[in-house]
């Protein structure tokens, strides 16, 4: 009888440990992720990737796709991003967020990091096809649209953004770029000194948003 009681007691102890053991999500909840679209884009650009994140265990309440007026200065968008980061942190209780940006979204999010205090509130920053040193296609729109003019390689905006440290603070910087990107030229424009820069192969600019291999790379990075 005593032996049976001892076995039962041990079994109960094991079951109790199983019940109270925290799940991985409970043990270390992931940072909220803010997705920043690019030129001529919108929050909807991220629908596929956000679906991937949810399927991979992220809570929908910690995934946020930003919308903004693509014609306005990237400095204005950066200020709006600062407000969104503050709102997301207040809403989720998170100390920091991760940012995933496509194309021009890389520029306004970098401006937020470098000039608006963002390095204190961002853990990881990921760029997909970002024109970090400009693109030679801006003459088709720079005469009309401020944000486009700011993507010109010789713009004062990019001179200020890239002066000194291109990857300031304790943020983990990662760029993913394609050798077949038809919009961001030359290829070296996407490279940032101080970042991990990864060539993902031959993927067109817009397809970086919906590429399964790229999505997996982003999710794997943000889990680490």
N, C-alpha and C. Protein backbone atom coordinates (compact mmCIF):
# COMPACT_ATOMS: atom_id res chain seq x y z
N UNK A 1 0.83 -1.20 0.00
CA UNK A 1 0.00 0.00 0.00
C UNK A 1 0.87 1.26 0.00
N UNK A 2 1.95 1.21 0.89
CA UNK A 2 2.84 2.36 0.93
C UNK A 2 3.54 2.57 -0.41
N UNK A 3 3.91 1.43 -1.03
CA UNK A 3 4.58 1.52 -2.33
C UNK A 3 3.66 2.15 -3.37
N UNK A 4 2.39 1.74 -3.37
CA UNK A 4 1.42 2.30 -4.31
C UNK A 4 1.22 3.78 -4.06
N UNK A 5 1.16 4.13 -2.77
CA UNK A 5 0.98 5.53 -2.43
C UNK A 5 2.18 6.36 -2.89
N UNK A 6 3.38 5.77 -2.74
CA UNK A 6 4.58 6.47 -3.17
C UNK A 6 4.61 6.68 -4.67
N UNK A 7 4.22 5.65 -5.42
CA UNK A 7 4.17 5.76 -6.87
C UNK A 7 3.17 6.82 -7.29
N UNK A 8 1.99 6.79 -6.64
CA UNK A 8 0.95 7.76 -6.96
C UNK A 8 1.42 9.18 -6.67
N UNK A 9 2.10 9.34 -5.54
CA UNK A 9 2.61 10.66 -5.18
C UNK A 9 3.62 11.16 -6.19
N UNK A 10 4.52 10.27 -6.62
CA UNK A 10 5.52 10.66 -7.62
C UNK A 10 4.88 11.02 -8.94
N UNK A 11 3.84 10.25 -9.32
CA UNK A 11 3.14 10.53 -10.57
C UNK A 11 2.46 11.88 -10.52
N UNK A 12 1.85 12.18 -9.39
CA UNK A 12 1.18 13.48 -9.24
C UNK A 12 2.19 14.63 -9.35
N UNK A 13 3.37 14.40 -8.77
CA UNK A 13 4.40 15.44 -8.84
C UNK A 13 4.83 15.70 -10.27
N UNK A 14 4.99 14.62 -11.05
CA UNK A 14 5.36 14.75 -12.46
C UNK A 14 4.29 15.48 -13.24
N UNK A 15 3.02 15.09 -13.00
CA UNK A 15 1.91 15.74 -13.70
C UNK A 15 1.84 17.22 -13.36
N UNK A 16 2.10 17.53 -12.10
CA UNK A 16 2.08 18.93 -11.69
C UNK A 16 3.14 19.73 -12.43
N UNK A 17 4.32 19.12 -12.59
CA UNK A 17 5.39 19.80 -13.33
C UNK A 17 5.00 20.04 -14.77
N UNK A 18 4.31 19.06 -15.38
CA UNK A 18 3.87 19.19 -16.77
C UNK A 18 2.85 20.30 -16.91
N UNK A 19 1.94 20.39 -15.95
CA UNK A 19 0.87 21.37 -16.03
C UNK A 19 1.40 22.79 -15.90
N UNK A 20 2.36 22.99 -14.97
CA UNK A 20 2.80 24.35 -14.69
C UNK A 20 3.96 24.79 -15.58
N UNK A 21 4.56 23.87 -16.32
CA UNK A 21 5.69 24.26 -17.18
C UNK A 21 5.23 25.25 -18.22
N UNK A 22 5.88 26.40 -18.34
CA UNK A 22 5.45 27.41 -19.31
C UNK A 22 5.72 26.97 -20.73
N UNK A 23 4.83 27.36 -21.63
CA UNK A 23 5.06 27.12 -23.04
C UNK A 23 6.17 28.03 -23.51
N UNK A 24 6.81 27.73 -24.64
CA UNK A 24 7.85 28.62 -25.15
C UNK A 24 7.36 30.05 -25.31
N UNK A 25 6.11 30.22 -25.77
CA UNK A 25 5.57 31.57 -25.96
C UNK A 25 5.44 32.29 -24.63
N UNK A 26 5.04 31.54 -23.58
CA UNK A 26 4.91 32.14 -22.27
C UNK A 26 6.28 32.46 -21.68
N UNK A 27 7.25 31.56 -21.93
CA UNK A 27 8.57 31.74 -21.34
C UNK A 27 9.27 32.97 -21.92
N UNK A 28 9.13 33.23 -23.19
CA UNK A 28 9.79 34.36 -23.83
C UNK A 28 8.93 34.83 -24.99
N UNK A 29 8.00 35.74 -24.71
CA UNK A 29 7.11 36.21 -25.77
C UNK A 29 7.90 37.03 -26.78
N UNK A 30 7.59 36.82 -28.03
CA UNK A 30 8.33 37.49 -29.10
C UNK A 30 8.01 38.97 -29.17
N UNK A 31 8.99 39.73 -29.65
CA UNK A 31 8.78 41.16 -29.85
C UNK A 31 7.63 41.39 -30.83
N UNK A 32 6.85 42.45 -30.63
CA UNK A 32 5.91 42.85 -31.68
C UNK A 32 6.69 43.20 -32.95
N UNK A 33 6.06 43.00 -34.09
CA UNK A 33 6.72 43.28 -35.37
C UNK A 33 5.92 44.36 -36.11
N UNK A 34 6.60 45.39 -36.55
CA UNK A 34 5.99 46.44 -37.36
C UNK A 34 6.52 46.30 -38.79
N UNK A 35 5.61 46.19 -39.74
CA UNK A 35 5.96 46.04 -41.16
C UNK A 35 5.77 47.38 -41.86
N UNK A 36 6.79 47.84 -42.56
CA UNK A 36 6.75 49.15 -43.22
C UNK A 36 6.88 48.96 -44.73
N UNK A 37 5.84 49.33 -45.46
CA UNK A 37 5.84 49.13 -46.92
C UNK A 37 6.71 50.17 -47.62
N UNK A 38 6.85 50.01 -48.91
CA UNK A 38 7.69 50.89 -49.70
C UNK A 38 6.91 51.82 -50.61
N UNK A 39 7.62 52.36 -51.59
CA UNK A 39 7.05 53.31 -52.54
C UNK A 39 5.95 52.65 -53.36
N UNK A 40 4.82 53.33 -53.49
CA UNK A 40 3.64 52.83 -54.20
C UNK A 40 3.05 51.57 -53.56
N UNK A 41 3.40 51.32 -52.31
CA UNK A 41 2.87 50.15 -51.61
C UNK A 41 1.80 50.54 -50.61
N UNK A 42 1.43 49.58 -49.78
CA UNK A 42 0.44 49.78 -48.73
C UNK A 42 0.54 48.67 -47.72
N UNK A 43 -0.21 48.80 -46.64
CA UNK A 43 -0.19 47.78 -45.58
C UNK A 43 -0.53 46.40 -46.14
N UNK A 44 -1.35 46.37 -47.16
CA UNK A 44 -1.77 45.10 -47.76
C UNK A 44 -0.60 44.32 -48.37
N UNK A 45 0.50 45.00 -48.65
CA UNK A 45 1.68 44.31 -49.19
C UNK A 45 2.15 43.17 -48.30
N UNK A 46 1.82 43.28 -47.02
CA UNK A 46 2.35 42.35 -46.03
C UNK A 46 1.39 41.21 -45.70
N UNK A 47 0.27 41.13 -46.38
CA UNK A 47 -0.73 40.11 -46.03
C UNK A 47 -0.15 38.70 -46.03
N UNK A 48 0.60 38.36 -47.07
CA UNK A 48 1.15 37.00 -47.15
C UNK A 48 2.17 36.74 -46.05
N UNK A 49 3.05 37.69 -45.82
CA UNK A 49 4.08 37.47 -44.81
C UNK A 49 3.48 37.42 -43.41
N UNK A 50 2.50 38.27 -43.16
CA UNK A 50 1.84 38.23 -41.85
C UNK A 50 1.15 36.90 -41.63
N UNK A 51 0.54 36.35 -42.68
CA UNK A 51 -0.06 35.02 -42.57
C UNK A 51 1.00 33.97 -42.23
N UNK A 52 2.18 34.11 -42.82
CA UNK A 52 3.28 33.20 -42.51
C UNK A 52 3.68 33.32 -41.04
N UNK A 53 3.76 34.55 -40.56
CA UNK A 53 4.13 34.77 -39.16
C UNK A 53 3.11 34.12 -38.21
N UNK A 54 1.83 34.30 -38.50
CA UNK A 54 0.80 33.72 -37.65
C UNK A 54 0.89 32.20 -37.65
N UNK A 55 1.11 31.62 -38.83
CA UNK A 55 1.23 30.16 -38.93
C UNK A 55 2.46 29.65 -38.19
N UNK A 56 3.43 30.54 -37.99
CA UNK A 56 4.67 30.16 -37.32
C UNK A 56 4.66 30.50 -35.83
N UNK A 57 3.48 30.85 -35.32
CA UNK A 57 3.36 31.02 -33.87
C UNK A 57 3.24 32.43 -33.35
N UNK A 58 3.36 33.43 -34.21
CA UNK A 58 3.18 34.81 -33.73
C UNK A 58 1.71 35.09 -33.50
N UNK A 59 1.42 35.82 -32.45
CA UNK A 59 0.06 36.27 -32.19
C UNK A 59 -0.29 37.41 -33.14
N UNK A 60 -1.50 37.38 -33.68
CA UNK A 60 -1.93 38.46 -34.56
C UNK A 60 -1.93 39.80 -33.86
N UNK A 61 -2.06 39.79 -32.54
CA UNK A 61 -2.07 41.02 -31.77
C UNK A 61 -0.69 41.64 -31.59
N UNK A 62 0.33 40.99 -32.16
CA UNK A 62 1.69 41.52 -32.07
C UNK A 62 2.30 41.77 -33.45
N UNK A 63 1.43 41.81 -34.46
CA UNK A 63 1.86 42.06 -35.84
C UNK A 63 1.13 43.29 -36.37
N UNK A 64 1.87 44.29 -36.82
CA UNK A 64 1.28 45.57 -37.21
C UNK A 64 1.85 46.02 -38.55
N UNK A 65 0.97 46.26 -39.52
CA UNK A 65 1.38 46.77 -40.83
C UNK A 65 1.06 48.26 -40.90
N UNK A 66 2.07 49.06 -41.13
CA UNK A 66 1.93 50.51 -41.16
C UNK A 66 1.42 50.98 -42.51
N UNK A 67 0.62 52.04 -42.50
CA UNK A 67 0.20 52.72 -43.73
C UNK A 67 0.66 54.17 -43.66
N UNK A 68 1.03 54.73 -44.80
CA UNK A 68 1.43 56.13 -44.83
C UNK A 68 1.32 56.66 -46.25
N UNK A 69 1.36 57.97 -46.38
CA UNK A 69 1.30 58.64 -47.68
C UNK A 69 2.67 58.55 -48.34
N UNK A 70 2.76 57.81 -49.44
CA UNK A 70 4.08 57.57 -50.03
C UNK A 70 4.67 58.82 -50.69
N UNK A 71 3.87 59.86 -50.90
CA UNK A 71 4.38 61.06 -51.54
C UNK A 71 5.07 62.00 -50.56
N UNK A 72 4.79 61.86 -49.28
CA UNK A 72 5.36 62.77 -48.30
C UNK A 72 6.84 62.45 -48.05
N UNK A 73 7.53 63.37 -47.41
CA UNK A 73 8.94 63.15 -47.10
C UNK A 73 9.10 61.93 -46.20
N UNK A 74 10.19 61.22 -46.40
CA UNK A 74 10.49 60.09 -45.53
C UNK A 74 10.71 60.53 -44.09
N UNK A 75 11.07 61.79 -43.89
CA UNK A 75 11.22 62.31 -42.53
C UNK A 75 9.86 62.37 -41.84
N UNK A 76 8.83 62.76 -42.58
CA UNK A 76 7.47 62.79 -42.02
C UNK A 76 7.01 61.38 -41.68
N UNK A 77 7.28 60.45 -42.58
CA UNK A 77 6.90 59.05 -42.32
C UNK A 77 7.64 58.51 -41.11
N UNK A 78 8.90 58.89 -40.95
CA UNK A 78 9.68 58.45 -39.80
C UNK A 78 9.05 58.92 -38.49
N UNK A 79 8.54 60.14 -38.48
CA UNK A 79 7.87 60.66 -37.29
C UNK A 79 6.59 59.88 -37.01
N UNK A 80 5.87 59.52 -38.07
CA UNK A 80 4.67 58.70 -37.90
C UNK A 80 5.02 57.31 -37.39
N UNK A 81 6.14 56.78 -37.85
CA UNK A 81 6.59 55.47 -37.37
C UNK A 81 6.93 55.55 -35.88
N UNK A 82 7.55 56.63 -35.48
CA UNK A 82 7.84 56.81 -34.05
C UNK A 82 6.56 56.75 -33.22
N UNK A 83 5.52 57.42 -33.68
CA UNK A 83 4.24 57.39 -32.96
C UNK A 83 3.66 55.98 -32.93
N UNK A 84 3.79 55.26 -34.05
CA UNK A 84 3.27 53.89 -34.10
C UNK A 84 4.04 52.99 -33.15
N UNK A 85 5.35 53.11 -33.11
CA UNK A 85 6.15 52.30 -32.19
C UNK A 85 5.74 52.57 -30.75
N UNK A 86 5.56 53.84 -30.41
CA UNK A 86 5.13 54.19 -29.05
C UNK A 86 3.77 53.57 -28.74
N UNK A 87 2.86 53.62 -29.70
CA UNK A 87 1.52 53.05 -29.52
C UNK A 87 1.58 51.54 -29.35
N UNK A 88 2.37 50.88 -30.18
CA UNK A 88 2.49 49.42 -30.10
C UNK A 88 3.10 48.99 -28.77
N UNK A 89 4.10 49.71 -28.32
CA UNK A 89 4.72 49.37 -27.04
C UNK A 89 3.73 49.55 -25.89
N UNK A 90 2.94 50.61 -25.95
CA UNK A 90 1.94 50.84 -24.91
C UNK A 90 0.85 49.77 -24.95
N UNK A 91 0.45 49.40 -26.15
CA UNK A 91 -0.62 48.42 -26.33
C UNK A 91 -0.20 47.02 -25.90
N UNK A 92 1.03 46.65 -26.20
CA UNK A 92 1.48 45.28 -25.95
C UNK A 92 2.27 45.12 -24.65
N UNK A 93 2.76 46.22 -24.12
CA UNK A 93 3.60 46.15 -22.93
C UNK A 93 5.03 45.76 -23.23
N UNK A 94 5.38 45.68 -24.51
CA UNK A 94 6.73 45.28 -24.91
C UNK A 94 7.70 46.45 -24.75
N UNK A 95 8.93 46.13 -24.36
CA UNK A 95 9.95 47.17 -24.24
C UNK A 95 10.47 47.60 -25.61
N UNK A 96 10.55 46.63 -26.54
CA UNK A 96 11.08 46.91 -27.87
C UNK A 96 10.25 46.20 -28.93
N UNK A 97 10.41 46.66 -30.16
CA UNK A 97 9.74 46.05 -31.31
C UNK A 97 10.79 45.64 -32.33
N UNK A 98 10.39 44.82 -33.28
CA UNK A 98 11.19 44.53 -34.47
C UNK A 98 10.55 45.25 -35.65
N UNK A 99 11.36 45.67 -36.60
CA UNK A 99 10.86 46.33 -37.81
C UNK A 99 11.29 45.54 -39.03
N UNK A 100 10.32 45.27 -39.92
CA UNK A 100 10.60 44.65 -41.21
C UNK A 100 10.15 45.64 -42.28
N UNK A 101 11.07 46.08 -43.12
CA UNK A 101 10.78 47.12 -44.10
C UNK A 101 11.09 46.65 -45.51
N UNK A 102 10.26 47.10 -46.44
CA UNK A 102 10.50 46.81 -47.86
C UNK A 102 10.80 48.09 -48.61
N UNK A 103 11.81 48.04 -49.47
CA UNK A 103 12.11 49.14 -50.38
C UNK A 103 12.26 50.46 -49.63
N UNK A 104 11.49 51.50 -50.01
CA UNK A 104 11.63 52.81 -49.39
C UNK A 104 11.34 52.79 -47.90
N UNK A 105 10.57 51.81 -47.45
CA UNK A 105 10.33 51.68 -46.01
C UNK A 105 11.62 51.53 -45.22
N UNK A 106 12.66 51.05 -45.89
CA UNK A 106 13.96 50.93 -45.24
C UNK A 106 14.53 52.30 -44.89
N UNK A 107 14.25 53.28 -45.73
CA UNK A 107 14.81 54.62 -45.52
C UNK A 107 14.11 55.36 -44.39
N UNK A 108 12.77 55.39 -44.42
CA UNK A 108 12.09 56.12 -43.35
C UNK A 108 12.27 55.44 -42.00
N UNK A 109 12.37 54.11 -41.99
CA UNK A 109 12.58 53.42 -40.71
C UNK A 109 14.01 53.65 -40.21
N UNK A 110 14.97 53.75 -41.11
CA UNK A 110 16.34 54.08 -40.70
C UNK A 110 16.43 55.50 -40.17
N UNK A 111 15.68 56.41 -40.77
CA UNK A 111 15.68 57.79 -40.27
C UNK A 111 15.13 57.83 -38.85
N UNK A 112 14.09 57.05 -38.60
CA UNK A 112 13.55 56.95 -37.24
C UNK A 112 14.62 56.43 -36.28
N UNK A 113 15.34 55.40 -36.69
CA UNK A 113 16.36 54.83 -35.82
C UNK A 113 17.48 55.83 -35.54
N UNK A 114 17.94 56.51 -36.57
CA UNK A 114 19.13 57.35 -36.44
C UNK A 114 18.86 58.71 -35.82
N UNK A 115 17.70 59.30 -36.14
CA UNK A 115 17.48 60.69 -35.74
C UNK A 115 16.33 60.91 -34.76
N UNK A 116 15.47 59.92 -34.57
CA UNK A 116 14.28 60.12 -33.73
C UNK A 116 14.25 59.19 -32.52
N UNK A 117 15.40 58.70 -32.12
CA UNK A 117 15.47 57.93 -30.89
C UNK A 117 15.06 56.47 -31.00
N UNK A 118 14.91 55.98 -32.22
CA UNK A 118 14.39 54.63 -32.40
C UNK A 118 15.30 53.52 -31.92
N UNK A 119 16.60 53.79 -31.83
CA UNK A 119 17.51 52.72 -31.40
C UNK A 119 17.23 52.25 -29.97
N UNK A 120 16.55 53.06 -29.20
CA UNK A 120 16.21 52.67 -27.82
C UNK A 120 15.02 51.72 -27.76
N UNK A 121 14.26 51.65 -28.86
CA UNK A 121 13.00 50.90 -28.81
C UNK A 121 12.89 49.82 -29.89
N UNK A 122 13.96 49.61 -30.64
CA UNK A 122 13.94 48.59 -31.70
C UNK A 122 15.02 47.56 -31.40
N UNK A 123 14.63 46.30 -31.44
CA UNK A 123 15.56 45.20 -31.20
C UNK A 123 16.24 44.77 -32.49
N UNK A 124 15.42 44.45 -33.52
CA UNK A 124 15.96 44.00 -34.80
C UNK A 124 15.30 44.76 -35.95
N UNK A 125 16.11 45.09 -36.95
CA UNK A 125 15.63 45.81 -38.13
C UNK A 125 16.00 45.00 -39.36
N UNK A 126 15.01 44.74 -40.21
CA UNK A 126 15.21 43.92 -41.41
C UNK A 126 14.78 44.71 -42.64
N UNK A 127 15.63 44.73 -43.65
CA UNK A 127 15.33 45.44 -44.90
C UNK A 127 15.24 44.44 -46.04
N UNK A 128 14.19 44.56 -46.84
CA UNK A 128 14.02 43.75 -48.05
C UNK A 128 14.15 44.68 -49.25
N UNK A 129 15.23 44.56 -50.00
CA UNK A 129 15.40 45.38 -51.19
C UNK A 129 15.39 46.87 -50.91
N UNK A 130 16.08 47.29 -49.88
CA UNK A 130 16.09 48.71 -49.52
C UNK A 130 17.08 49.52 -50.34
N UNK A 131 16.68 50.70 -50.84
CA UNK A 131 17.60 51.58 -51.59
C UNK A 131 18.45 52.40 -50.64
N UNK A 132 19.24 51.73 -49.83
CA UNK A 132 19.93 52.41 -48.73
C UNK A 132 20.93 53.46 -49.19
N UNK A 133 21.41 53.33 -50.41
CA UNK A 133 22.28 54.36 -50.98
C UNK A 133 21.68 54.93 -52.26
N UNK A 134 20.37 54.79 -52.40
CA UNK A 134 19.66 55.37 -53.53
C UNK A 134 19.47 54.40 -54.69
N UNK A 135 18.78 54.89 -55.70
CA UNK A 135 18.56 54.12 -56.91
C UNK A 135 18.62 55.05 -58.11
N UNK A 136 19.11 54.54 -59.22
CA UNK A 136 19.26 55.39 -60.41
C UNK A 136 17.97 55.54 -61.20
N UNK A 137 16.86 55.04 -60.68
CA UNK A 137 15.57 55.17 -61.36
C UNK A 137 14.77 56.39 -60.90
N UNK A 138 15.29 57.16 -59.97
CA UNK A 138 14.51 58.27 -59.42
C UNK A 138 14.17 59.38 -60.41
N UNK A 139 14.90 59.59 -61.51
CA UNK A 139 14.51 60.67 -62.43
C UNK A 139 13.09 60.56 -62.96
N UNK A 140 12.50 59.38 -62.94
CA UNK A 140 11.14 59.24 -63.48
C UNK A 140 10.09 59.81 -62.53
N UNK A 141 10.45 60.09 -61.28
CA UNK A 141 9.43 60.58 -60.34
C UNK A 141 9.93 61.69 -59.42
N UNK A 142 11.23 61.94 -59.38
CA UNK A 142 11.76 62.88 -58.39
C UNK A 142 11.30 64.31 -58.61
N UNK A 143 10.95 64.67 -59.83
CA UNK A 143 10.52 66.03 -60.12
C UNK A 143 9.15 66.33 -59.53
N UNK A 144 8.42 65.29 -59.12
CA UNK A 144 7.04 65.46 -58.68
C UNK A 144 6.82 65.03 -57.23
N UNK A 145 7.55 64.04 -56.75
CA UNK A 145 7.25 63.41 -55.47
C UNK A 145 8.46 63.51 -54.54
N UNK A 146 8.24 64.10 -53.37
CA UNK A 146 9.33 64.34 -52.42
C UNK A 146 10.06 63.07 -52.02
N UNK A 147 9.30 62.05 -51.66
CA UNK A 147 9.94 60.81 -51.19
C UNK A 147 10.80 60.17 -52.27
N UNK A 148 10.37 60.30 -53.51
CA UNK A 148 11.15 59.76 -54.62
C UNK A 148 12.45 60.53 -54.78
N UNK A 149 12.38 61.85 -54.70
CA UNK A 149 13.59 62.66 -54.82
C UNK A 149 14.60 62.30 -53.73
N UNK A 150 14.10 61.92 -52.57
CA UNK A 150 14.98 61.56 -51.46
C UNK A 150 15.71 60.24 -51.70
N UNK A 151 15.23 59.45 -52.65
CA UNK A 151 15.91 58.19 -52.98
C UNK A 151 17.00 58.35 -54.03
N UNK A 152 17.18 59.57 -54.54
CA UNK A 152 18.27 59.81 -55.49
C UNK A 152 19.61 59.64 -54.77
N UNK A 153 20.57 58.98 -55.40
CA UNK A 153 21.85 58.71 -54.73
C UNK A 153 22.54 59.94 -54.17
N UNK A 154 22.34 61.10 -54.81
CA UNK A 154 23.02 62.31 -54.36
C UNK A 154 22.12 63.24 -53.54
N UNK A 155 21.00 62.73 -53.04
CA UNK A 155 20.07 63.57 -52.29
C UNK A 155 20.65 63.95 -50.93
N UNK A 156 20.26 65.13 -50.44
CA UNK A 156 20.71 65.55 -49.11
C UNK A 156 20.16 64.61 -48.04
N UNK A 157 18.98 64.06 -48.28
CA UNK A 157 18.38 63.11 -47.35
C UNK A 157 19.31 61.91 -47.14
N UNK A 158 19.78 61.31 -48.23
CA UNK A 158 20.64 60.14 -48.12
C UNK A 158 22.04 60.50 -47.61
N UNK A 159 22.51 61.68 -47.93
CA UNK A 159 23.81 62.10 -47.40
C UNK A 159 23.75 62.17 -45.88
N UNK A 160 22.67 62.73 -45.35
CA UNK A 160 22.51 62.82 -43.90
C UNK A 160 22.31 61.43 -43.29
N UNK A 161 21.49 60.61 -43.94
CA UNK A 161 21.17 59.29 -43.40
C UNK A 161 22.40 58.39 -43.33
N UNK A 162 23.28 58.51 -44.32
CA UNK A 162 24.43 57.61 -44.41
C UNK A 162 25.73 58.21 -43.87
N UNK A 163 25.65 59.43 -43.37
CA UNK A 163 26.84 60.05 -42.79
C UNK A 163 27.22 59.35 -41.48
N UNK A 164 28.50 59.09 -41.30
CA UNK A 164 28.93 58.46 -40.07
C UNK A 164 28.50 57.00 -40.00
N UNK A 165 27.92 56.62 -38.88
CA UNK A 165 27.52 55.24 -38.64
C UNK A 165 26.21 54.92 -39.37
N UNK A 166 26.26 53.98 -40.30
CA UNK A 166 25.05 53.60 -41.04
C UNK A 166 24.13 52.70 -40.23
N UNK A 167 24.65 52.09 -39.19
CA UNK A 167 23.85 51.16 -38.36
C UNK A 167 24.03 51.51 -36.89
N UNK A 168 23.46 52.62 -36.45
CA UNK A 168 23.72 53.10 -35.09
C UNK A 168 23.02 52.28 -34.01
N UNK A 169 23.54 52.43 -32.79
CA UNK A 169 22.91 51.84 -31.62
C UNK A 169 23.14 50.35 -31.50
N UNK A 170 22.38 49.74 -30.60
CA UNK A 170 22.50 48.31 -30.34
C UNK A 170 21.53 47.46 -31.13
N UNK A 171 20.93 48.03 -32.15
CA UNK A 171 19.97 47.32 -33.00
C UNK A 171 20.71 46.27 -33.84
N UNK A 172 20.06 45.14 -34.06
CA UNK A 172 20.60 44.13 -34.97
C UNK A 172 20.07 44.44 -36.37
N UNK A 173 20.96 44.75 -37.30
CA UNK A 173 20.59 45.15 -38.66
C UNK A 173 20.82 44.00 -39.64
N UNK A 174 19.82 43.77 -40.50
CA UNK A 174 19.91 42.72 -41.52
C UNK A 174 19.31 43.23 -42.82
N UNK A 175 20.05 43.12 -43.92
CA UNK A 175 19.47 43.42 -45.23
C UNK A 175 19.40 42.14 -46.05
N UNK A 176 18.28 41.97 -46.75
CA UNK A 176 18.14 40.90 -47.74
C UNK A 176 17.97 41.58 -49.09
N UNK A 177 18.78 41.19 -50.05
CA UNK A 177 18.72 41.83 -51.36
C UNK A 177 18.85 40.78 -52.45
N UNK A 178 18.41 41.17 -53.64
CA UNK A 178 18.36 40.24 -54.77
C UNK A 178 19.24 40.74 -55.91
N UNK A 179 19.89 39.81 -56.56
CA UNK A 179 20.70 40.14 -57.74
C UNK A 179 19.84 40.40 -58.96
N UNK A 180 18.53 40.17 -58.85
CA UNK A 180 17.61 40.41 -59.98
C UNK A 180 16.62 41.52 -59.67
N UNK A 181 16.95 42.38 -58.71
CA UNK A 181 16.07 43.50 -58.34
C UNK A 181 16.16 44.56 -59.43
N UNK A 182 15.06 44.75 -60.14
CA UNK A 182 15.06 45.65 -61.29
C UNK A 182 14.85 47.11 -60.91
N UNK A 183 14.52 47.39 -59.65
CA UNK A 183 14.22 48.76 -59.25
C UNK A 183 15.33 49.43 -58.44
N UNK A 184 16.07 48.66 -57.69
CA UNK A 184 17.12 49.24 -56.84
C UNK A 184 18.48 48.94 -57.46
N UNK A 185 19.03 49.95 -58.12
CA UNK A 185 20.31 49.82 -58.81
C UNK A 185 21.24 50.97 -58.44
N UNK A 186 22.52 50.71 -58.31
CA UNK A 186 23.19 49.41 -58.47
C UNK A 186 22.97 48.49 -57.27
N UNK A 187 23.40 47.24 -57.40
CA UNK A 187 23.21 46.26 -56.33
C UNK A 187 23.81 46.73 -55.01
N UNK A 188 24.94 47.41 -55.07
CA UNK A 188 25.64 47.82 -53.85
C UNK A 188 24.84 48.81 -53.02
N UNK A 189 23.80 49.39 -53.62
CA UNK A 189 23.00 50.37 -52.90
C UNK A 189 22.32 49.77 -51.67
N UNK A 190 22.04 48.49 -51.72
CA UNK A 190 21.28 47.89 -50.61
C UNK A 190 22.16 47.55 -49.42
N UNK A 191 23.47 47.53 -49.63
CA UNK A 191 24.41 47.09 -48.59
C UNK A 191 24.62 48.18 -47.55
N UNK A 192 24.58 47.78 -46.27
CA UNK A 192 24.84 48.71 -45.18
C UNK A 192 26.07 48.27 -44.41
N UNK A 193 26.97 49.20 -44.17
CA UNK A 193 28.13 48.91 -43.34
C UNK A 193 27.68 48.68 -41.90
N UNK A 194 28.06 47.55 -41.33
CA UNK A 194 27.66 47.23 -39.97
C UNK A 194 26.47 46.30 -39.87
N UNK A 195 25.83 46.02 -41.02
CA UNK A 195 24.69 45.10 -41.05
C UNK A 195 25.13 43.74 -41.58
N UNK A 196 24.31 42.74 -41.34
CA UNK A 196 24.47 41.47 -42.04
C UNK A 196 23.74 41.62 -43.37
N UNK A 197 24.44 41.44 -44.47
CA UNK A 197 23.88 41.67 -45.80
C UNK A 197 23.84 40.35 -46.56
N UNK A 198 22.62 39.92 -46.92
CA UNK A 198 22.44 38.59 -47.50
C UNK A 198 21.80 38.67 -48.88
N UNK A 199 22.48 38.11 -49.87
CA UNK A 199 21.92 37.99 -51.23
C UNK A 199 21.01 36.77 -51.26
N UNK A 200 19.73 36.98 -51.54
CA UNK A 200 18.76 35.88 -51.52
C UNK A 200 18.57 35.25 -52.89
N UNK A 201 19.39 35.65 -53.87
CA UNK A 201 19.30 35.06 -55.19
C UNK A 201 18.49 35.90 -56.15
N UNK A 202 17.98 35.27 -57.18
CA UNK A 202 17.29 35.99 -58.25
C UNK A 202 15.79 36.10 -57.96
N UNK A 203 15.41 37.18 -57.27
CA UNK A 203 14.01 37.44 -56.93
C UNK A 203 13.71 38.88 -57.29
N UNK A 204 12.63 39.11 -58.02
CA UNK A 204 12.27 40.47 -58.40
C UNK A 204 11.88 41.30 -57.18
N UNK A 205 11.96 42.62 -57.32
CA UNK A 205 11.79 43.54 -56.20
C UNK A 205 10.49 43.28 -55.42
N UNK A 206 9.36 43.29 -56.11
CA UNK A 206 8.07 43.11 -55.42
C UNK A 206 7.91 41.71 -54.85
N UNK A 207 8.54 40.73 -55.49
CA UNK A 207 8.39 39.34 -55.05
C UNK A 207 9.14 39.07 -53.76
N UNK A 208 10.00 39.97 -53.33
CA UNK A 208 10.62 39.82 -52.02
C UNK A 208 9.57 39.78 -50.91
N UNK A 209 8.43 40.41 -51.17
CA UNK A 209 7.35 40.47 -50.18
C UNK A 209 6.62 39.15 -50.02
N UNK A 210 6.63 38.32 -51.05
CA UNK A 210 5.81 37.10 -51.04
C UNK A 210 6.64 35.84 -51.23
N UNK A 211 7.94 35.97 -51.27
CA UNK A 211 8.82 34.81 -51.44
C UNK A 211 8.82 33.96 -50.17
N UNK A 212 8.52 32.67 -50.30
CA UNK A 212 8.55 31.77 -49.15
C UNK A 212 9.94 31.68 -48.52
N UNK A 213 11.01 31.52 -49.32
CA UNK A 213 12.34 31.46 -48.71
C UNK A 213 12.72 32.74 -47.96
N UNK A 214 12.34 33.89 -48.52
CA UNK A 214 12.64 35.16 -47.85
C UNK A 214 11.86 35.26 -46.55
N UNK A 215 10.58 34.93 -46.60
CA UNK A 215 9.74 34.96 -45.40
C UNK A 215 10.33 34.07 -44.31
N UNK A 216 10.79 32.89 -44.69
CA UNK A 216 11.38 31.98 -43.72
C UNK A 216 12.65 32.57 -43.11
N UNK A 217 13.47 33.20 -43.93
CA UNK A 217 14.70 33.82 -43.42
C UNK A 217 14.36 34.91 -42.40
N UNK A 218 13.35 35.72 -42.71
CA UNK A 218 12.96 36.80 -41.80
C UNK A 218 12.46 36.23 -40.48
N UNK A 219 11.59 35.24 -40.55
CA UNK A 219 11.04 34.65 -39.32
C UNK A 219 12.11 33.96 -38.49
N UNK A 220 13.00 33.26 -39.16
CA UNK A 220 14.09 32.59 -38.44
C UNK A 220 14.97 33.60 -37.72
N UNK A 221 15.25 34.71 -38.39
CA UNK A 221 16.06 35.76 -37.78
C UNK A 221 15.38 36.34 -36.56
N UNK A 222 14.10 36.66 -36.68
CA UNK A 222 13.40 37.33 -35.59
C UNK A 222 13.14 36.39 -34.41
N UNK A 223 13.22 35.10 -34.64
CA UNK A 223 13.10 34.15 -33.53
C UNK A 223 14.38 34.10 -32.70
N UNK A 224 15.48 34.48 -33.30
CA UNK A 224 16.78 34.30 -32.65
C UNK A 224 17.07 35.43 -31.66
